[in-house]
């Protein structure tokens, strides 16, 4: 997955869906928005719901862990 930093505050984030999302429901996935210092994560079904925010380093560590076989 590739993240492109978005400019602006959290209300103006550019949300992207994983290229690995293969559900039959296009709204059934996780969305990510990146800024220079934070990665925001949300459930696409609840776009206005709670969000998880982590550092770019923590996100990279998670991606590495999640991609292990």
N, C-alpha and C. Protein backbone atom coordinates (compact mmCIF):
# COMPACT_ATOMS: atom_id res chain seq x y z
N UNK A 1 0.85 -1.16 0.00
CA UNK A 1 0.00 0.00 0.00
C UNK A 1 0.90 1.23 0.00
N UNK A 2 0.53 2.20 -0.78
CA UNK A 2 1.28 3.44 -0.85
C UNK A 2 0.43 4.56 -0.29
N UNK A 3 1.03 5.38 0.56
CA UNK A 3 0.34 6.52 1.13
C UNK A 3 0.92 7.80 0.58
N UNK A 4 0.05 8.74 0.24
CA UNK A 4 0.48 10.06 -0.19
C UNK A 4 0.05 11.04 0.89
N UNK A 5 0.99 11.85 1.42
CA UNK A 5 0.60 12.82 2.44
C UNK A 5 -0.46 13.78 1.92
N UNK A 6 -1.43 14.09 2.76
CA UNK A 6 -2.47 15.05 2.42
C UNK A 6 -2.20 16.35 3.15
N UNK A 7 -2.48 17.44 2.50
CA UNK A 7 -2.30 18.75 3.13
C UNK A 7 -3.56 19.12 3.90
N UNK A 8 -3.43 20.03 4.83
CA UNK A 8 -4.61 20.54 5.52
C UNK A 8 -4.89 19.85 6.83
N UNK A 9 -6.02 20.20 7.44
CA UNK A 9 -6.37 19.62 8.73
C UNK A 9 -7.18 18.34 8.54
N UNK A 10 -7.59 17.73 9.64
CA UNK A 10 -8.26 16.42 9.59
C UNK A 10 -9.57 16.45 8.82
N UNK A 11 -10.24 17.60 8.75
CA UNK A 11 -11.49 17.66 8.01
C UNK A 11 -11.27 17.72 6.50
N UNK A 12 -10.04 17.98 6.08
CA UNK A 12 -9.72 18.09 4.66
C UNK A 12 -8.77 16.98 4.19
N UNK A 13 -8.76 15.88 4.88
CA UNK A 13 -7.84 14.80 4.54
C UNK A 13 -8.25 14.11 3.25
N UNK A 14 -7.27 13.60 2.53
CA UNK A 14 -7.52 12.81 1.33
C UNK A 14 -7.50 11.34 1.74
N UNK A 15 -8.67 10.73 1.82
CA UNK A 15 -8.79 9.35 2.27
C UNK A 15 -8.61 8.41 1.08
N UNK A 16 -7.85 7.34 1.30
CA UNK A 16 -7.64 6.34 0.26
C UNK A 16 -8.01 4.96 0.81
N UNK A 17 -8.44 4.10 -0.07
CA UNK A 17 -8.75 2.72 0.30
C UNK A 17 -7.61 1.82 -0.15
N UNK A 18 -7.42 0.76 0.56
CA UNK A 18 -6.37 -0.19 0.23
C UNK A 18 -6.61 -0.82 -1.13
N UNK A 19 -5.55 -0.97 -1.87
CA UNK A 19 -5.64 -1.67 -3.16
C UNK A 19 -5.91 -3.15 -2.94
N UNK A 20 -5.76 -3.63 -1.71
CA UNK A 20 -6.02 -5.03 -1.39
C UNK A 20 -7.47 -5.27 -0.97
N UNK A 21 -8.28 -4.22 -0.88
CA UNK A 21 -9.66 -4.37 -0.49
C UNK A 21 -10.43 -5.02 -1.63
N UNK A 22 -10.91 -6.24 -1.41
CA UNK A 22 -11.58 -6.98 -2.48
C UNK A 22 -12.99 -7.43 -2.10
N UNK A 23 -13.59 -6.75 -1.16
CA UNK A 23 -14.94 -7.09 -0.74
C UNK A 23 -15.93 -6.78 -1.86
N UNK A 24 -17.03 -7.49 -1.87
CA UNK A 24 -18.08 -7.20 -2.86
C UNK A 24 -18.77 -5.88 -2.56
N UNK A 25 -18.64 -5.38 -1.34
CA UNK A 25 -19.21 -4.09 -0.96
C UNK A 25 -18.09 -3.06 -0.96
N UNK A 26 -18.14 -2.09 -1.87
CA UNK A 26 -17.05 -1.12 -1.99
C UNK A 26 -16.87 -0.26 -0.75
N UNK A 27 -17.88 -0.22 0.13
CA UNK A 27 -17.76 0.55 1.36
C UNK A 27 -17.29 -0.29 2.54
N UNK A 28 -16.92 -1.51 2.31
CA UNK A 28 -16.54 -2.45 3.36
C UNK A 28 -15.02 -2.56 3.45
N UNK A 29 -14.38 -1.49 3.92
CA UNK A 29 -12.92 -1.54 4.03
C UNK A 29 -12.43 -0.47 4.99
N UNK A 30 -11.14 -0.44 5.15
CA UNK A 30 -10.48 0.56 5.97
C UNK A 30 -9.94 1.63 5.04
N UNK A 31 -10.02 2.88 5.47
CA UNK A 31 -9.47 3.99 4.70
C UNK A 31 -8.35 4.64 5.50
N UNK A 32 -7.37 5.14 4.78
CA UNK A 32 -6.19 5.76 5.38
C UNK A 32 -6.03 7.17 4.82
N UNK A 33 -5.62 8.10 5.67
CA UNK A 33 -5.23 9.44 5.23
C UNK A 33 -3.93 9.79 5.94
N UNK A 34 -2.97 10.27 5.18
CA UNK A 34 -1.66 10.57 5.76
C UNK A 34 -1.36 12.06 5.72
N UNK A 35 -0.79 12.55 6.79
CA UNK A 35 -0.22 13.88 6.85
C UNK A 35 1.26 13.69 7.18
N UNK A 36 2.08 14.71 7.12
CA UNK A 36 3.50 14.50 7.41
C UNK A 36 3.78 13.87 8.77
N UNK A 37 2.95 14.12 9.79
CA UNK A 37 3.24 13.59 11.11
C UNK A 37 2.27 12.57 11.65
N UNK A 38 1.20 12.26 10.90
CA UNK A 38 0.16 11.38 11.42
C UNK A 38 -0.47 10.56 10.30
N UNK A 39 -0.81 9.32 10.63
CA UNK A 39 -1.61 8.49 9.72
C UNK A 39 -2.95 8.28 10.40
N UNK A 40 -4.03 8.63 9.70
CA UNK A 40 -5.39 8.50 10.22
C UNK A 40 -6.01 7.25 9.60
N UNK A 41 -6.74 6.48 10.40
CA UNK A 41 -7.37 5.25 9.95
C UNK A 41 -8.84 5.31 10.35
N UNK A 42 -9.73 4.94 9.40
CA UNK A 42 -11.16 4.92 9.71
C UNK A 42 -11.85 3.77 8.98
N UNK A 43 -13.03 3.42 9.46
CA UNK A 43 -13.88 2.42 8.83
C UNK A 43 -14.69 3.14 7.76
N UNK A 44 -14.62 2.68 6.52
CA UNK A 44 -15.31 3.36 5.43
C UNK A 44 -16.83 3.38 5.61
N UNK A 45 -17.37 2.42 6.36
CA UNK A 45 -18.81 2.40 6.61
C UNK A 45 -19.23 3.47 7.62
N UNK A 46 -18.29 3.94 8.40
CA UNK A 46 -18.58 4.95 9.42
C UNK A 46 -17.60 6.11 9.28
N UNK A 47 -17.64 6.76 8.13
CA UNK A 47 -16.68 7.81 7.82
C UNK A 47 -16.65 8.94 8.85
N UNK A 48 -17.77 9.19 9.49
CA UNK A 48 -17.82 10.23 10.51
C UNK A 48 -17.64 9.68 11.92
N UNK A 49 -17.38 8.39 12.00
CA UNK A 49 -17.19 7.74 13.29
C UNK A 49 -15.79 7.94 13.83
N UNK A 50 -15.44 7.16 14.83
CA UNK A 50 -14.12 7.30 15.46
C UNK A 50 -13.00 6.99 14.48
N UNK A 51 -11.87 7.61 14.72
CA UNK A 51 -10.67 7.41 13.90
C UNK A 51 -9.50 7.05 14.80
N UNK A 52 -8.65 6.25 14.26
CA UNK A 52 -7.41 5.90 14.94
C UNK A 52 -6.31 6.75 14.31
N UNK A 53 -5.46 7.35 15.12
CA UNK A 53 -4.33 8.09 14.59
C UNK A 53 -3.05 7.51 15.17
N UNK A 54 -2.07 7.33 14.30
CA UNK A 54 -0.78 6.78 14.70
C UNK A 54 0.33 7.55 14.00
N UNK A 55 1.53 7.38 14.48
CA UNK A 55 2.68 8.00 13.82
C UNK A 55 3.00 7.23 12.54
N UNK A 56 3.65 7.88 11.58
CA UNK A 56 4.05 7.16 10.37
C UNK A 56 4.93 5.94 10.68
N UNK A 57 5.77 6.04 11.68
CA UNK A 57 6.63 4.90 12.06
C UNK A 57 5.79 3.74 12.58
N UNK A 58 4.81 4.04 13.44
CA UNK A 58 3.93 2.98 13.96
C UNK A 58 3.14 2.34 12.83
N UNK A 59 2.68 3.14 11.87
CA UNK A 59 1.92 2.60 10.73
C UNK A 59 2.82 1.69 9.90
N UNK A 60 4.04 2.12 9.62
CA UNK A 60 4.98 1.29 8.84
C UNK A 60 5.26 -0.02 9.56
N UNK A 61 5.42 0.04 10.88
CA UNK A 61 5.63 -1.19 11.66
C UNK A 61 4.42 -2.12 11.56
N UNK A 62 3.21 -1.56 11.62
CA UNK A 62 2.00 -2.36 11.51
C UNK A 62 1.92 -3.01 10.13
N UNK A 63 2.17 -2.27 9.08
CA UNK A 63 2.12 -2.80 7.72
C UNK A 63 3.12 -3.94 7.57
N UNK A 64 4.31 -3.77 8.10
CA UNK A 64 5.32 -4.84 8.04
C UNK A 64 4.80 -6.08 8.77
N UNK A 65 4.26 -5.90 9.97
CA UNK A 65 3.73 -7.02 10.75
C UNK A 65 2.57 -7.70 10.04
N UNK A 66 1.64 -6.90 9.50
CA UNK A 66 0.45 -7.44 8.86
C UNK A 66 0.76 -8.20 7.56
N UNK A 67 1.87 -7.88 6.94
CA UNK A 67 2.21 -8.51 5.66
C UNK A 67 3.05 -9.77 5.83
N UNK A 68 3.39 -10.12 7.07
CA UNK A 68 4.17 -11.34 7.30
C UNK A 68 3.29 -12.57 7.02
N UNK A 69 3.87 -13.56 6.44
CA UNK A 69 3.14 -14.81 6.18
C UNK A 69 3.18 -15.73 7.37
